[in-house]
């Protein structure tokens, strides 16, 4: 049995921490000056710079009920590419279920940069815009 590439171990630790929203475990594998780019035209898009912004992004992301299940990973000494199912099961019916690919740059045992790619950017924009812009009528009336 062959050993797992160290960069795959880092990504595995990240996904385990993400699934539990364990910010301390995330900090163990994410660089302080990380850059994380979310494409699109919605309230969550843009480049987050630094661990504080990235953790704030994940905190906000958890409000949408978004989950990620890894499907396949590719690796070399500097990068990992992952394809995963990104999905939600919200009670309000605003849901998404599609493939996403992330390109992870690893340096000195830490994630230093990530770029997200959505299989359907228009659907991603719709989901996140609705999840973060539209509020229930009761909240708008208050």
Protein backbone atom coordinates (compact mmCIF):
# COMPACT_ATOMS: atom_id res chain seq x y z
CA UNK A 1 0.00 0.00 0.00
CA UNK A 2 1.45 3.37 -0.98
CA UNK A 3 1.66 6.38 1.29
CA UNK A 4 -0.67 9.30 0.71
CA UNK A 5 0.90 12.45 -0.72
CA UNK A 6 1.39 15.03 2.08
CA UNK A 7 -0.70 17.61 0.20
CA UNK A 8 -3.65 15.21 0.14
CA UNK A 9 -3.30 14.82 3.90
CA UNK A 10 -3.51 18.61 4.27
CA UNK A 11 -6.68 18.78 2.17
CA UNK A 12 -8.15 15.83 4.08
CA UNK A 13 -7.52 17.64 7.36
CA UNK A 14 -9.13 20.77 5.95
CA UNK A 15 -12.29 18.92 4.84
CA UNK A 16 -12.54 17.17 8.22
CA UNK A 17 -12.25 20.52 10.01
CA UNK A 18 -14.70 22.17 7.58
CA UNK A 19 -17.32 19.47 8.14
CA UNK A 20 -17.22 20.21 11.89
CA UNK A 21 -16.55 23.96 11.47
CA UNK A 22 -13.49 23.46 13.66
CA UNK A 23 -11.72 26.80 13.15
CA UNK A 24 -8.67 25.82 15.20
CA UNK A 25 -8.12 22.74 13.03
CA UNK A 26 -8.59 24.88 9.90
CA UNK A 27 -5.89 27.26 11.16
CA UNK A 28 -3.48 24.32 11.41
CA UNK A 29 -3.58 23.79 7.63
CA UNK A 30 -4.43 27.25 6.27
CA UNK A 31 -1.76 29.98 6.04
CA UNK A 32 -2.28 33.27 7.87
CA UNK A 33 -2.05 35.21 4.57
CA UNK A 34 -4.17 32.81 2.49
CA UNK A 35 -6.01 34.08 -0.60
CA UNK A 36 -9.36 32.39 -1.32
CA UNK A 37 -11.20 33.36 -4.52
CA UNK A 38 -14.93 32.77 -4.93
CA UNK A 39 -16.08 33.64 -8.48
CA UNK A 40 -19.43 35.09 -9.38
CA UNK A 41 -21.78 37.99 -8.90
CA UNK A 42 -23.32 37.36 -5.50
CA UNK A 43 -22.75 38.55 -1.91
CA UNK A 44 -20.24 35.79 -1.14
CA UNK A 45 -18.03 36.27 -4.23
CA UNK A 46 -14.63 37.90 -4.31
CA UNK A 47 -11.18 37.19 -2.97
CA UNK A 48 -10.88 36.71 0.77
CA UNK A 49 -7.41 37.62 2.03
CA UNK A 50 -6.07 36.29 5.33
CA UNK A 51 -7.25 33.60 7.68
CA UNK A 52 -9.65 35.97 9.46
CA UNK A 53 -11.54 36.81 6.24
CA UNK A 54 -11.57 33.18 5.14
CA UNK A 55 -12.97 31.97 8.47
CA UNK A 56 -15.59 34.75 8.39
CA UNK A 57 -16.53 33.56 4.90
CA UNK A 58 -16.96 29.97 6.13
CA UNK A 59 -18.97 31.15 9.12
CA UNK A 60 -21.31 33.03 6.78
CA UNK A 61 -21.35 30.11 4.32
CA UNK A 62 -22.61 27.81 7.08
CA UNK A 63 -25.77 29.96 7.29
CA UNK A 64 -26.75 28.82 3.79
CA UNK A 65 -26.63 25.14 4.74
CA UNK A 66 -23.97 24.49 2.09
CA UNK A 67 -22.16 21.14 2.35
CA UNK A 68 -19.21 19.70 0.41
CA UNK A 69 -18.50 16.04 -0.29
CA UNK A 70 -15.15 15.33 -2.00
CA UNK A 71 -15.33 13.10 -5.09
CA UNK A 72 -11.83 13.02 -6.59
CA UNK A 73 -8.48 14.63 -5.85
CA UNK A 74 -5.40 15.15 -8.00
CA UNK A 75 -2.05 16.17 -6.54
CA UNK A 76 1.50 17.27 -7.24
CA UNK A 77 4.12 18.90 -5.02
CA UNK A 78 2.57 22.38 -5.24
CA UNK A 79 -1.13 21.90 -5.96
CA UNK A 80 -4.19 19.82 -5.24
CA UNK A 81 -7.24 19.92 -7.44
CA UNK A 82 -10.44 18.61 -5.97
CA UNK A 83 -13.81 17.99 -7.47
CA UNK A 84 -16.62 17.77 -4.97
CA UNK A 85 -20.37 17.76 -4.75
CA UNK A 86 -21.53 21.05 -3.27
CA UNK A 87 -25.10 20.89 -2.09
CA UNK A 88 -27.69 22.13 0.36
CA UNK A 89 -30.99 20.91 1.77
CA UNK A 90 -32.63 24.10 2.95
CA UNK A 91 -36.20 24.10 4.22
CA UNK A 92 -37.03 27.23 2.20
CA UNK A 93 -36.44 25.33 -1.05
CA UNK A 94 -33.51 27.51 -2.18
CA UNK A 95 -31.08 24.70 -2.84
CA UNK A 96 -28.09 23.90 -4.96
CA UNK A 97 -26.56 20.57 -5.95
CA UNK A 98 -23.68 20.63 -8.42
CA UNK A 99 -20.05 19.88 -8.97
CA UNK A 100 -17.36 22.33 -7.90
CA UNK A 101 -13.64 22.19 -8.50
CA UNK A 102 -11.08 23.91 -6.31
CA UNK A 103 -7.44 24.51 -7.11
CA UNK A 104 -5.46 24.52 -3.86
CA UNK A 105 -1.91 25.87 -3.73
CA UNK A 106 0.19 24.34 -0.95
CA UNK A 107 3.44 25.81 0.36
CA UNK A 108 5.42 24.74 3.42
CA UNK A 109 2.63 22.43 4.57
CA UNK A 110 -0.11 25.09 4.45
CA UNK A 111 -2.89 26.08 2.08
CA UNK A 112 -1.78 29.45 0.69
CA UNK A 113 -4.27 30.01 -2.13
CA UNK A 114 -7.55 28.53 -3.33
CA UNK A 115 -9.58 29.28 -6.44
CA UNK A 116 -13.13 27.91 -6.73
CA UNK A 117 -14.77 26.93 -10.03
CA UNK A 118 -18.51 26.17 -10.22
CA UNK A 119 -19.96 23.79 -12.79
CA UNK A 120 -22.79 26.30 -13.33
CA UNK A 121 -21.82 29.79 -12.24
CA UNK A 122 -25.28 31.20 -13.01
CA UNK A 123 -26.86 28.63 -10.68
CA UNK A 124 -24.26 29.38 -7.99
CA UNK A 125 -24.99 33.11 -8.31
CA UNK A 126 -28.75 32.46 -8.04
CA UNK A 127 -28.38 30.27 -4.96
CA UNK A 128 -26.04 32.54 -3.02
CA UNK A 129 -27.78 35.75 -4.04
CA UNK A 130 -31.11 34.39 -2.85
CA UNK A 131 -29.59 32.89 0.32
CA UNK A 132 -27.93 36.16 1.38
CA UNK A 133 -29.99 38.98 -0.18
CA UNK A 134 -33.62 38.04 0.14
CA UNK A 135 -35.01 38.11 3.64
CA UNK A 136 -38.35 36.78 4.81
CA UNK A 137 -41.14 39.36 4.63
CA UNK A 138 -41.31 39.44 8.44
CA UNK A 139 -37.68 40.64 8.62
CA UNK A 140 -38.22 43.28 5.92
CA UNK A 141 -41.27 44.64 7.73
CA UNK A 142 -39.51 44.92 11.11
